[in-house]
C-alpha atoms as a PDB file:
ATOM      1  CA  MET A   1      -9.549  17.308 -20.686  1.00  0.00           C
ATOM      2  CA  ALA A   2     -13.597  17.259 -22.125  1.00  0.00           C
ATOM      3  CA  ILE A   3     -15.816  14.055 -21.955  1.00  0.00           C
ATOM      4  CA  THR A   4     -16.029  12.677 -25.509  1.00  0.00           C
ATOM      5  CA  ARG A   5     -18.217   9.561 -25.180  1.00  0.00           C
ATOM      6  CA  VAL A   6     -20.247   7.931 -22.391  1.00  0.00           C
ATOM      7  CA  TRP A   7     -21.392   4.428 -22.110  1.00  0.00           C
ATOM      8  CA  ILE A   8     -22.758   1.531 -19.992  1.00  0.00           C
ATOM      9  CA  GLU A   9     -20.997  -1.461 -19.285  1.00  0.00           C
ATOM     10  CA  ASP A  10     -22.942  -4.539 -19.281  1.00  0.00           C
ATOM     11  CA  GLY A  11     -24.103  -5.589 -15.112  1.00  0.00           C
ATOM     12  CA  CYS A  12     -26.622  -2.098 -14.750  1.00  0.00           C
ATOM     13  CA  THR A  13     -29.136  -3.029 -12.436  1.00  0.00           C
ATOM     14  CA  ALA A  14     -30.966  -0.169 -13.257  1.00  0.00           C
ATOM     15  CA  CYS A  15     -30.926   1.383  -9.725  1.00  0.00           C
ATOM     16  CA  GLY A  16     -31.573   5.082 -10.894  1.00  0.00           C
ATOM     17  CA  LEU A  17     -29.122   6.673  -9.631  1.00  0.00           C
ATOM     18  CA  CYS A  18     -27.202   7.937 -12.807  1.00  0.00           C
ATOM     19  CA  SER A  19     -30.816   9.035 -13.738  1.00  0.00           C
ATOM     20  CA  ASP A  20     -31.580  11.096 -10.988  1.00  0.00           C
ATOM     21  CA  SER A  21     -28.227  12.673 -10.414  1.00  0.00           C
ATOM     22  CA  CYS A  22     -27.838  13.285 -14.227  1.00  0.00           C
ATOM     23  CA  PRO A  23     -31.152  13.464 -16.594  1.00  0.00           C
ATOM     24  CA  ASP A  24     -29.626  15.487 -19.226  1.00  0.00           C
ATOM     25  CA  VAL A  25     -27.574  12.598 -20.229  1.00  0.00           C
ATOM     26  CA  PHE A  26     -29.265   9.166 -18.561  1.00  0.00           C
ATOM     27  CA  GLU A  27     -32.581   7.344 -18.760  1.00  0.00           C
ATOM     28  CA  LEU A  28     -33.953   4.051 -17.529  1.00  0.00           C
ATOM     29  CA  ASP A  29     -34.415   1.594 -20.856  1.00  0.00           C
ATOM     30  CA  GLU A  30     -37.418  -0.094 -18.934  1.00  0.00           C
ATOM     31  CA  ASP A  31     -37.567  -2.330 -21.794  1.00  0.00           C
ATOM     32  CA  ALA A  32     -34.186  -3.727 -21.370  1.00  0.00           C
ATOM     33  CA  ASP A  33     -34.477  -3.117 -17.395  1.00  0.00           C
ATOM     34  CA  THR A  34     -30.798  -0.867 -17.286  1.00  0.00           C
ATOM     35  CA  ALA A  35     -29.666   3.072 -17.809  1.00  0.00           C
ATOM     36  CA  LYS A  36     -28.583   4.111 -20.948  1.00  0.00           C
ATOM     37  CA  VAL A  37     -27.414   7.278 -22.353  1.00  0.00           C
ATOM     38  CA  ILE A  38     -29.464   9.859 -24.121  1.00  0.00           C
ATOM     39  CA  LYS A  39     -28.280   9.979 -27.794  1.00  0.00           C
ATOM     40  CA  GLY A  40     -27.716  13.348 -28.699  1.00  0.00           C
ATOM     41  CA  ALA A  41     -26.598  14.482 -25.080  1.00  0.00           C
ATOM     42  CA  ASP A  42     -24.284  17.677 -24.293  1.00  0.00           C
ATOM     43  CA  LEU A  43     -21.527  16.286 -22.982  1.00  0.00           C
ATOM     44  CA  GLU A  44     -19.833  19.256 -22.758  1.00  0.00           C
ATOM     45  CA  ALA A  45     -22.309  21.421 -20.552  1.00  0.00           C
ATOM     46  CA  ASN A  46     -23.088  17.772 -17.859  1.00  0.00           C
ATOM     47  CA  GLU A  47     -18.991  16.632 -17.211  1.00  0.00           C
ATOM     48  CA  ASP A  48     -19.958  17.305 -13.744  1.00  0.00           C
ATOM     49  CA  ALA A  49     -23.089  15.148 -12.916  1.00  0.00           C
ATOM     50  CA  ILE A  50     -21.391  12.510 -15.502  1.00  0.00           C
ATOM     51  CA  LYS A  51     -18.464  11.846 -13.067  1.00  0.00           C
ATOM     52  CA  GLU A  52     -20.415  11.998 -10.272  1.00  0.00           C
ATOM     53  CA  ALA A  53     -23.057   9.452 -11.471  1.00  0.00           C
ATOM     54  CA  ALA A  54     -20.139   7.159 -12.882  1.00  0.00           C
ATOM     55  CA  GLU A  55     -18.157   7.057  -9.143  1.00  0.00           C
ATOM     56  CA  ASP A  56     -21.438   6.789  -7.287  1.00  0.00           C
ATOM     57  CA  CYS A  57     -22.563   3.864  -9.480  1.00  0.00           C
ATOM     58  CA  PRO A  58     -22.789   1.023  -7.107  1.00  0.00           C
ATOM     59  CA  GLU A  59     -22.178  -1.439 -10.137  1.00  0.00           C
ATOM     60  CA  THR A  60     -19.601   0.988 -11.873  1.00  0.00           C
ATOM     61  CA  VAL A  61     -20.587   0.551 -15.260  1.00  0.00           C
ATOM     62  CA  ILE A  62     -20.804   4.194 -16.065  1.00  0.00           C
ATOM     63  CA  LYS A  63     -17.620   4.753 -18.307  1.00  0.00           C
ATOM     64  CA  TYR A  64     -16.328   8.032 -20.374  1.00  0.00           C
ATOM     65  CA  GLU A  65     -13.646   8.949 -22.539  1.00  0.00           C
ATOM     66  CA  GLU A  66     -11.782  12.216 -21.762  1.00  0.00           C
ATOM     67  CA  SER A  67      -9.520  14.169 -24.487  1.00  0.00           C
END
């Protein structure tokens, strides 16, 4: 199965773990004090890193959908 969608739910503390482990998909939004998914990011090429970021997220707010 391939990841088709990634999002960050409310509760992100902008710790930076996701952007450190998967900088092609996640970045910190300093204005909103949260992380965000980069528009147009290649989800397929970063599938393993996305799953790792979701698993390592201390707030468990990184979600993804597979199809």
